[in-house]
N, C-alpha and C. Protein backbone atom coordinates (compact mmCIF):
# COMPACT_ATOMS: atom_id res chain seq x y z
N UNK A 1 -95.04 160.44 -15.22
CA UNK A 1 -93.77 160.10 -15.84
C UNK A 1 -93.64 158.59 -15.85
N UNK A 2 -93.10 158.06 -16.89
CA UNK A 2 -92.93 156.63 -17.03
C UNK A 2 -91.58 156.23 -16.44
N UNK A 3 -91.60 155.25 -15.53
CA UNK A 3 -90.37 154.86 -14.84
C UNK A 3 -90.04 153.40 -15.07
N UNK A 4 -88.75 153.10 -15.03
CA UNK A 4 -88.29 151.73 -15.02
C UNK A 4 -88.28 151.29 -13.56
N UNK A 5 -88.03 150.03 -13.33
CA UNK A 5 -88.09 149.51 -11.97
C UNK A 5 -87.09 150.16 -11.02
N UNK A 6 -86.00 150.71 -11.52
CA UNK A 6 -85.03 151.34 -10.63
C UNK A 6 -85.37 152.82 -10.36
N UNK A 7 -86.51 153.29 -10.86
CA UNK A 7 -86.93 154.66 -10.61
C UNK A 7 -86.44 155.65 -11.64
N UNK A 8 -85.63 155.21 -12.58
CA UNK A 8 -85.10 156.10 -13.62
C UNK A 8 -86.18 156.33 -14.68
N UNK A 9 -86.32 157.57 -15.11
CA UNK A 9 -87.26 157.86 -16.19
C UNK A 9 -86.83 157.16 -17.47
N UNK A 10 -87.80 156.60 -18.17
CA UNK A 10 -87.50 155.95 -19.44
C UNK A 10 -87.21 156.99 -20.51
N UNK A 11 -86.16 156.75 -21.24
CA UNK A 11 -85.82 157.61 -22.36
C UNK A 11 -85.92 156.82 -23.65
N UNK A 12 -85.84 157.53 -24.75
CA UNK A 12 -85.87 156.88 -26.06
C UNK A 12 -84.75 155.85 -26.16
N UNK A 13 -83.58 156.15 -25.61
CA UNK A 13 -82.44 155.22 -25.65
C UNK A 13 -82.76 153.88 -25.00
N UNK A 14 -83.65 153.88 -24.01
CA UNK A 14 -84.01 152.64 -23.31
C UNK A 14 -84.86 151.70 -24.17
N UNK A 15 -85.50 152.24 -25.20
CA UNK A 15 -86.48 151.47 -25.96
C UNK A 15 -86.10 151.31 -27.44
N UNK A 16 -85.32 152.23 -27.96
CA UNK A 16 -85.04 152.25 -29.41
C UNK A 16 -84.28 151.02 -29.88
N UNK A 17 -84.40 150.76 -31.16
CA UNK A 17 -83.59 149.75 -31.84
C UNK A 17 -82.34 150.45 -32.32
N UNK A 18 -81.20 149.89 -31.98
CA UNK A 18 -79.94 150.58 -32.29
C UNK A 18 -79.43 150.31 -33.69
N UNK A 19 -79.80 149.19 -34.28
CA UNK A 19 -79.33 148.91 -35.63
C UNK A 19 -80.32 149.49 -36.64
N UNK A 20 -79.82 150.40 -37.44
CA UNK A 20 -80.64 151.09 -38.43
C UNK A 20 -79.94 150.99 -39.77
N UNK A 21 -80.71 150.75 -40.81
CA UNK A 21 -80.14 150.69 -42.14
C UNK A 21 -80.35 152.04 -42.82
N UNK A 22 -79.30 152.52 -43.44
CA UNK A 22 -79.41 153.77 -44.19
C UNK A 22 -78.95 153.52 -45.62
N UNK A 23 -79.48 154.34 -46.53
CA UNK A 23 -79.13 154.24 -47.94
C UNK A 23 -78.84 155.63 -48.49
N UNK A 24 -78.04 155.69 -49.54
CA UNK A 24 -77.78 156.95 -50.21
C UNK A 24 -79.02 157.35 -51.01
N UNK A 25 -79.29 158.62 -51.09
CA UNK A 25 -80.48 159.13 -51.75
C UNK A 25 -80.55 158.78 -53.24
N UNK A 26 -79.43 158.39 -53.83
CA UNK A 26 -79.41 158.03 -55.26
C UNK A 26 -79.69 156.55 -55.51
N UNK A 27 -79.72 155.74 -54.45
CA UNK A 27 -79.99 154.31 -54.63
C UNK A 27 -81.39 154.15 -55.24
N UNK A 28 -81.58 153.12 -56.02
CA UNK A 28 -82.86 152.93 -56.69
C UNK A 28 -83.91 152.34 -55.75
N UNK A 29 -85.16 152.52 -56.13
CA UNK A 29 -86.28 151.94 -55.38
C UNK A 29 -86.12 150.42 -55.30
N UNK A 30 -85.75 149.80 -56.43
CA UNK A 30 -85.60 148.34 -56.47
C UNK A 30 -84.50 147.85 -55.54
N UNK A 31 -83.35 148.50 -55.57
CA UNK A 31 -82.22 148.10 -54.72
C UNK A 31 -82.55 148.32 -53.24
N UNK A 32 -83.26 149.40 -52.96
CA UNK A 32 -83.64 149.68 -51.57
C UNK A 32 -84.63 148.62 -51.07
N UNK A 33 -85.60 148.28 -51.90
CA UNK A 33 -86.59 147.26 -51.51
C UNK A 33 -85.91 145.92 -51.24
N UNK A 34 -84.95 145.56 -52.08
CA UNK A 34 -84.21 144.30 -51.89
C UNK A 34 -83.41 144.35 -50.60
N UNK A 35 -82.78 145.49 -50.32
CA UNK A 35 -82.00 145.64 -49.08
C UNK A 35 -82.91 145.49 -47.86
N UNK A 36 -84.09 146.09 -47.92
CA UNK A 36 -85.03 146.00 -46.80
C UNK A 36 -85.51 144.56 -46.62
N UNK A 37 -85.77 143.87 -47.72
CA UNK A 37 -86.20 142.47 -47.65
C UNK A 37 -85.10 141.60 -47.03
N UNK A 38 -83.88 141.78 -47.51
CA UNK A 38 -82.76 140.98 -47.00
C UNK A 38 -82.52 141.22 -45.51
N UNK A 39 -82.66 142.46 -45.08
CA UNK A 39 -82.41 142.81 -43.68
C UNK A 39 -83.65 142.60 -42.80
N UNK A 40 -84.78 142.31 -43.44
CA UNK A 40 -86.05 142.12 -42.72
C UNK A 40 -86.41 143.33 -41.86
N UNK A 41 -86.34 144.52 -42.50
CA UNK A 41 -86.70 145.77 -41.82
C UNK A 41 -87.84 146.45 -42.57
N UNK A 42 -88.56 147.28 -41.87
CA UNK A 42 -89.69 147.99 -42.45
C UNK A 42 -89.40 149.42 -42.85
N UNK A 43 -88.15 149.85 -42.64
CA UNK A 43 -87.81 151.22 -43.03
C UNK A 43 -86.31 151.36 -43.19
N UNK A 44 -85.92 152.39 -43.95
CA UNK A 44 -84.52 152.77 -44.08
C UNK A 44 -84.44 154.29 -44.01
N UNK A 45 -83.33 154.77 -43.52
CA UNK A 45 -83.08 156.20 -43.48
C UNK A 45 -82.34 156.58 -44.76
N UNK A 46 -82.79 157.62 -45.41
CA UNK A 46 -82.17 158.09 -46.65
C UNK A 46 -81.17 159.19 -46.29
N UNK A 47 -79.94 159.02 -46.78
CA UNK A 47 -78.84 159.92 -46.42
C UNK A 47 -78.34 160.67 -47.65
N UNK A 48 -77.85 161.88 -47.41
CA UNK A 48 -77.16 162.66 -48.44
C UNK A 48 -75.98 163.33 -47.77
N UNK A 49 -74.80 163.09 -48.29
CA UNK A 49 -73.56 163.64 -47.71
C UNK A 49 -73.43 163.29 -46.23
N UNK A 50 -73.75 162.03 -45.90
CA UNK A 50 -73.67 161.49 -44.54
C UNK A 50 -74.58 162.18 -43.54
N UNK A 51 -75.62 162.86 -44.02
CA UNK A 51 -76.62 163.47 -43.14
C UNK A 51 -77.98 162.87 -43.46
N UNK A 52 -78.79 162.60 -42.43
CA UNK A 52 -80.13 162.05 -42.66
C UNK A 52 -81.01 163.07 -43.39
N UNK A 53 -81.65 162.59 -44.45
CA UNK A 53 -82.44 163.45 -45.32
C UNK A 53 -83.93 163.10 -45.28
N UNK A 54 -84.24 161.80 -45.18
CA UNK A 54 -85.62 161.35 -45.20
C UNK A 54 -85.72 159.91 -44.73
N UNK A 55 -86.92 159.36 -44.82
CA UNK A 55 -87.16 157.97 -44.43
C UNK A 55 -88.06 157.33 -45.48
N UNK A 56 -87.82 156.06 -45.73
CA UNK A 56 -88.67 155.28 -46.61
C UNK A 56 -89.14 154.07 -45.81
N UNK A 57 -90.44 153.84 -45.83
CA UNK A 57 -91.01 152.71 -45.11
C UNK A 57 -91.65 151.74 -46.10
N UNK A 58 -91.95 150.55 -45.61
CA UNK A 58 -92.63 149.58 -46.45
C UNK A 58 -93.96 150.13 -46.97
N UNK A 59 -94.57 151.01 -46.20
CA UNK A 59 -95.83 151.64 -46.60
C UNK A 59 -95.62 152.53 -47.83
N UNK A 60 -94.46 153.18 -47.93
CA UNK A 60 -94.16 153.99 -49.12
C UNK A 60 -94.13 153.14 -50.38
N UNK A 61 -93.63 151.92 -50.26
CA UNK A 61 -93.62 151.03 -51.42
C UNK A 61 -95.04 150.61 -51.78
N UNK A 62 -95.82 150.27 -50.76
CA UNK A 62 -97.18 149.79 -51.00
C UNK A 62 -98.08 150.88 -51.57
N UNK A 63 -97.91 152.11 -51.13
CA UNK A 63 -98.81 153.17 -51.55
C UNK A 63 -98.20 154.07 -52.62
N UNK A 64 -97.07 154.68 -52.34
CA UNK A 64 -96.50 155.67 -53.25
C UNK A 64 -96.02 155.04 -54.56
N UNK A 65 -95.22 154.00 -54.47
CA UNK A 65 -94.70 153.37 -55.68
C UNK A 65 -95.84 152.79 -56.50
N UNK A 66 -96.74 152.08 -55.84
CA UNK A 66 -97.84 151.43 -56.56
C UNK A 66 -98.80 152.45 -57.18
N UNK A 67 -99.14 153.49 -56.44
CA UNK A 67 -100.13 154.45 -56.96
C UNK A 67 -99.58 155.32 -58.08
N UNK A 68 -98.28 155.58 -58.08
CA UNK A 68 -97.68 156.41 -59.12
C UNK A 68 -97.02 155.58 -60.23
N UNK A 69 -96.89 154.29 -60.00
CA UNK A 69 -96.28 153.43 -61.00
C UNK A 69 -94.82 153.75 -61.27
N UNK A 70 -94.09 154.15 -60.22
CA UNK A 70 -92.67 154.46 -60.40
C UNK A 70 -91.90 153.22 -60.83
N UNK A 71 -91.01 153.35 -61.81
CA UNK A 71 -90.15 152.22 -62.17
C UNK A 71 -89.17 151.91 -61.03
N UNK A 72 -88.76 150.68 -60.92
CA UNK A 72 -87.83 150.28 -59.86
C UNK A 72 -86.47 150.95 -60.01
N UNK A 73 -86.21 151.54 -61.15
CA UNK A 73 -84.93 152.24 -61.39
C UNK A 73 -84.96 153.70 -60.90
N UNK A 74 -86.09 154.13 -60.37
CA UNK A 74 -86.22 155.50 -59.86
C UNK A 74 -85.40 155.66 -58.58
N UNK A 75 -84.78 156.82 -58.40
CA UNK A 75 -84.00 157.09 -57.19
C UNK A 75 -84.93 157.10 -55.97
N UNK A 76 -84.46 156.54 -54.87
CA UNK A 76 -85.26 156.40 -53.66
C UNK A 76 -85.71 157.75 -53.10
N UNK A 77 -84.96 158.81 -53.37
CA UNK A 77 -85.34 160.13 -52.87
C UNK A 77 -86.71 160.56 -53.39
N UNK A 78 -87.14 159.99 -54.51
CA UNK A 78 -88.42 160.35 -55.12
C UNK A 78 -89.60 159.94 -54.23
N UNK A 79 -89.43 158.89 -53.43
CA UNK A 79 -90.55 158.40 -52.62
C UNK A 79 -90.34 158.59 -51.11
N UNK A 80 -89.18 159.13 -50.72
CA UNK A 80 -88.92 159.25 -49.28
C UNK A 80 -89.85 160.29 -48.65
N UNK A 81 -90.10 160.12 -47.37
CA UNK A 81 -90.85 161.10 -46.60
C UNK A 81 -89.87 162.14 -46.06
N UNK A 82 -90.18 163.38 -46.32
CA UNK A 82 -89.35 164.49 -45.86
C UNK A 82 -90.26 165.68 -45.63
N UNK A 83 -90.04 166.54 -44.68
CA UNK A 83 -88.86 166.57 -43.83
C UNK A 83 -88.83 165.37 -42.88
N UNK A 84 -87.65 165.07 -42.44
CA UNK A 84 -87.45 163.94 -41.54
C UNK A 84 -87.68 164.39 -40.10
N UNK A 85 -88.72 163.85 -39.49
CA UNK A 85 -88.97 164.13 -38.07
C UNK A 85 -88.12 163.16 -37.28
N UNK A 86 -87.49 163.65 -36.23
CA UNK A 86 -86.61 162.81 -35.43
C UNK A 86 -86.67 163.22 -33.97
N UNK A 87 -85.98 162.46 -33.17
CA UNK A 87 -85.94 162.69 -31.73
C UNK A 87 -84.54 162.35 -31.25
N UNK A 88 -84.16 162.83 -30.10
CA UNK A 88 -82.82 162.49 -29.59
C UNK A 88 -82.94 161.36 -28.57
N UNK A 89 -81.85 160.65 -28.37
CA UNK A 89 -81.86 159.45 -27.53
C UNK A 89 -82.15 159.75 -26.06
N UNK A 90 -81.88 160.96 -25.60
CA UNK A 90 -82.13 161.27 -24.19
C UNK A 90 -83.50 161.89 -23.94
N UNK A 91 -84.32 162.02 -24.97
CA UNK A 91 -85.68 162.52 -24.79
C UNK A 91 -86.55 161.45 -24.12
N UNK A 92 -87.57 161.88 -23.38
CA UNK A 92 -88.46 160.90 -22.75
C UNK A 92 -89.33 160.17 -23.77
N UNK A 93 -89.70 158.94 -23.45
CA UNK A 93 -90.57 158.13 -24.31
C UNK A 93 -91.85 158.90 -24.63
N UNK A 94 -92.39 159.57 -23.65
CA UNK A 94 -93.64 160.30 -23.83
C UNK A 94 -93.53 161.31 -24.97
N UNK A 95 -92.39 161.97 -25.10
CA UNK A 95 -92.18 162.93 -26.18
C UNK A 95 -92.21 162.24 -27.54
N UNK A 96 -91.60 161.07 -27.62
CA UNK A 96 -91.62 160.29 -28.86
C UNK A 96 -93.04 159.91 -29.23
N UNK A 97 -93.79 159.45 -28.25
CA UNK A 97 -95.18 159.07 -28.47
C UNK A 97 -96.01 160.25 -28.94
N UNK A 98 -95.82 161.39 -28.29
CA UNK A 98 -96.56 162.59 -28.67
C UNK A 98 -96.22 163.03 -30.09
N UNK A 99 -94.94 162.99 -30.44
CA UNK A 99 -94.51 163.40 -31.78
C UNK A 99 -95.09 162.48 -32.85
N UNK A 100 -95.05 161.18 -32.59
CA UNK A 100 -95.63 160.22 -33.54
C UNK A 100 -97.12 160.48 -33.73
N UNK A 101 -97.80 160.73 -32.63
CA UNK A 101 -99.23 161.00 -32.70
C UNK A 101 -99.51 162.29 -33.46
N UNK A 102 -98.79 163.33 -33.13
CA UNK A 102 -99.00 164.64 -33.76
C UNK A 102 -98.72 164.62 -35.26
N UNK A 103 -97.65 163.94 -35.66
CA UNK A 103 -97.24 163.91 -37.07
C UNK A 103 -97.85 162.73 -37.82
N UNK A 104 -98.56 161.87 -37.10
CA UNK A 104 -99.20 160.69 -37.68
C UNK A 104 -98.17 159.79 -38.40
N UNK A 105 -97.11 159.49 -37.66
CA UNK A 105 -96.06 158.62 -38.18
C UNK A 105 -95.87 157.44 -37.23
N UNK A 106 -95.29 156.36 -37.74
CA UNK A 106 -95.12 155.14 -36.94
C UNK A 106 -93.66 154.82 -36.64
N UNK A 107 -92.76 155.53 -37.30
CA UNK A 107 -91.33 155.27 -37.13
C UNK A 107 -90.62 156.60 -36.98
N UNK A 108 -89.76 156.67 -35.96
CA UNK A 108 -89.11 157.93 -35.64
C UNK A 108 -87.60 157.70 -35.47
N UNK A 109 -86.81 158.21 -36.41
CA UNK A 109 -85.36 158.07 -36.28
C UNK A 109 -84.86 158.79 -35.02
N UNK A 110 -83.83 158.21 -34.41
CA UNK A 110 -83.20 158.81 -33.24
C UNK A 110 -81.87 159.38 -33.71
N UNK A 111 -81.72 160.70 -33.58
CA UNK A 111 -80.55 161.38 -34.11
C UNK A 111 -79.88 162.19 -33.00
N UNK A 112 -78.59 161.91 -32.81
CA UNK A 112 -77.76 162.67 -31.87
C UNK A 112 -76.59 163.25 -32.65
N UNK A 113 -76.37 164.54 -32.54
CA UNK A 113 -75.25 165.21 -33.21
C UNK A 113 -75.18 164.88 -34.70
N UNK A 114 -76.32 164.98 -35.38
CA UNK A 114 -76.44 164.73 -36.81
C UNK A 114 -76.14 163.29 -37.23
N UNK A 115 -76.05 162.36 -36.27
CA UNK A 115 -75.84 160.95 -36.59
C UNK A 115 -77.06 160.14 -36.17
N UNK A 116 -77.46 159.22 -37.04
CA UNK A 116 -78.56 158.32 -36.72
C UNK A 116 -78.02 157.26 -35.77
N UNK A 117 -78.59 157.20 -34.56
CA UNK A 117 -78.13 156.24 -33.55
C UNK A 117 -79.15 155.16 -33.26
N UNK A 118 -80.34 155.28 -33.86
CA UNK A 118 -81.37 154.29 -33.63
C UNK A 118 -82.67 154.69 -34.26
N UNK A 119 -83.71 153.91 -33.96
CA UNK A 119 -85.06 154.21 -34.42
C UNK A 119 -86.03 153.69 -33.37
N UNK A 120 -87.09 154.45 -33.15
CA UNK A 120 -88.14 154.01 -32.24
C UNK A 120 -89.43 153.96 -33.04
N UNK A 121 -90.19 152.89 -32.82
CA UNK A 121 -91.41 152.69 -33.60
C UNK A 121 -92.62 152.62 -32.68
N UNK A 122 -93.78 152.74 -33.28
CA UNK A 122 -95.03 152.60 -32.52
C UNK A 122 -95.08 151.21 -31.88
N UNK A 123 -94.55 150.22 -32.56
CA UNK A 123 -94.51 148.86 -32.01
C UNK A 123 -93.65 148.80 -30.76
N UNK A 124 -92.54 149.53 -30.75
CA UNK A 124 -91.69 149.58 -29.56
C UNK A 124 -92.46 150.14 -28.37
N UNK A 125 -93.26 151.16 -28.61
CA UNK A 125 -94.02 151.80 -27.53
C UNK A 125 -95.13 150.88 -27.05
N UNK A 126 -95.78 150.18 -27.97
CA UNK A 126 -96.81 149.21 -27.57
C UNK A 126 -96.17 148.10 -26.74
N UNK A 127 -95.02 147.63 -27.16
CA UNK A 127 -94.32 146.60 -26.38
C UNK A 127 -94.00 147.11 -24.98
N UNK A 128 -93.58 148.35 -24.89
CA UNK A 128 -93.31 148.95 -23.59
C UNK A 128 -94.56 148.93 -22.71
N UNK A 129 -95.69 149.27 -23.31
CA UNK A 129 -96.95 149.27 -22.56
C UNK A 129 -97.29 147.88 -22.04
N UNK A 130 -97.01 146.85 -22.84
CA UNK A 130 -97.38 145.50 -22.42
C UNK A 130 -96.47 144.96 -21.33
N UNK A 131 -95.33 145.59 -21.12
CA UNK A 131 -94.40 145.10 -20.10
C UNK A 131 -94.25 146.06 -18.92
N UNK A 132 -95.05 147.12 -18.90
CA UNK A 132 -94.94 148.12 -17.84
C UNK A 132 -95.64 147.69 -16.56
N UNK A 133 -95.23 148.31 -15.47
CA UNK A 133 -95.88 148.09 -14.18
C UNK A 133 -97.24 148.79 -14.18
N UNK A 134 -98.12 148.38 -13.30
CA UNK A 134 -99.48 148.93 -13.24
C UNK A 134 -99.48 150.46 -13.07
N UNK A 135 -98.64 151.00 -12.19
CA UNK A 135 -98.60 152.45 -11.99
C UNK A 135 -98.13 153.18 -13.24
N UNK A 136 -97.16 152.60 -13.94
CA UNK A 136 -96.69 153.19 -15.18
C UNK A 136 -97.81 153.23 -16.22
N UNK A 137 -98.55 152.11 -16.32
CA UNK A 137 -99.66 152.05 -17.27
C UNK A 137 -100.72 153.10 -16.96
N UNK A 138 -101.04 153.25 -15.69
CA UNK A 138 -102.03 154.24 -15.28
C UNK A 138 -101.56 155.64 -15.68
N UNK A 139 -100.30 155.93 -15.44
CA UNK A 139 -99.75 157.23 -15.79
C UNK A 139 -99.80 157.46 -17.30
N UNK A 140 -99.40 156.46 -18.08
CA UNK A 140 -99.43 156.60 -19.54
C UNK A 140 -100.86 156.75 -20.05
N UNK A 141 -101.79 156.02 -19.44
CA UNK A 141 -103.20 156.10 -19.84
C UNK A 141 -103.74 157.50 -19.61
N UNK A 142 -103.51 158.05 -18.43
CA UNK A 142 -104.01 159.39 -18.13
C UNK A 142 -103.36 160.44 -19.02
N UNK A 143 -102.08 160.27 -19.34
CA UNK A 143 -101.41 161.17 -20.26
C UNK A 143 -102.09 161.12 -21.63
N UNK A 144 -102.44 159.93 -22.09
CA UNK A 144 -103.11 159.77 -23.38
C UNK A 144 -104.48 160.41 -23.38
N UNK A 145 -105.24 160.24 -22.29
CA UNK A 145 -106.57 160.84 -22.19
C UNK A 145 -106.47 162.36 -22.25
N UNK A 146 -105.49 162.93 -21.56
CA UNK A 146 -105.29 164.38 -21.60
C UNK A 146 -105.02 164.83 -23.03
N UNK A 147 -104.19 164.10 -23.76
CA UNK A 147 -103.87 164.46 -25.15
C UNK A 147 -105.13 164.41 -26.02
N UNK A 148 -105.95 163.39 -25.83
CA UNK A 148 -107.18 163.28 -26.62
C UNK A 148 -108.07 164.49 -26.37
N UNK A 149 -108.25 164.84 -25.10
CA UNK A 149 -109.11 165.98 -24.80
C UNK A 149 -108.52 167.29 -25.30
N UNK A 150 -107.20 167.42 -25.26
CA UNK A 150 -106.56 168.64 -25.80
C UNK A 150 -106.83 168.77 -27.29
N UNK A 151 -106.79 167.64 -28.00
CA UNK A 151 -106.95 167.67 -29.45
C UNK A 151 -108.40 167.73 -29.91
N UNK A 152 -109.32 167.17 -29.15
CA UNK A 152 -110.68 167.01 -29.67
C UNK A 152 -111.77 167.67 -28.85
N UNK A 153 -111.44 168.27 -27.75
CA UNK A 153 -112.47 168.90 -26.92
C UNK A 153 -113.05 170.14 -27.60
N UNK A 154 -114.38 170.28 -27.61
CA UNK A 154 -114.99 171.47 -28.19
C UNK A 154 -114.78 172.71 -27.33
N UNK A 155 -114.23 172.52 -26.15
CA UNK A 155 -114.03 173.65 -25.22
C UNK A 155 -112.66 174.29 -25.35
N UNK A 156 -111.81 173.75 -26.22
CA UNK A 156 -110.47 174.33 -26.42
C UNK A 156 -110.46 175.27 -27.60
């Protein structure tokens, strides 16, 4: 288990970024890209009727928009990733890491009671690793090794 210096288990709330930008699903690709540039963020949560519906990342612009040649006037819902995988703020960091690995995603919205309260990214987890105590690092390393063997061992 990953611990902070006071012995408390680390949760997603301890690491997540609390300011998250969301857009309505009808907003255009161009307007969303401009909003992301102005806010200097790599992702936005796409909402419909005040509920999280999907996520759009800078990678979606680089790959999906470019490869399909979508006009900038296209609704953002056309390129969003859905279903939206999420985690709750009181879940352990390890669960977030496992979910990102399993789903092959780099950004995970934090949702409590149908409200987006933050986002945790692969970068946040790497930063956590660089600032962890030696025992925490050892624990996280062994957890990662177990996951690798679970996924790739010919004996499973």
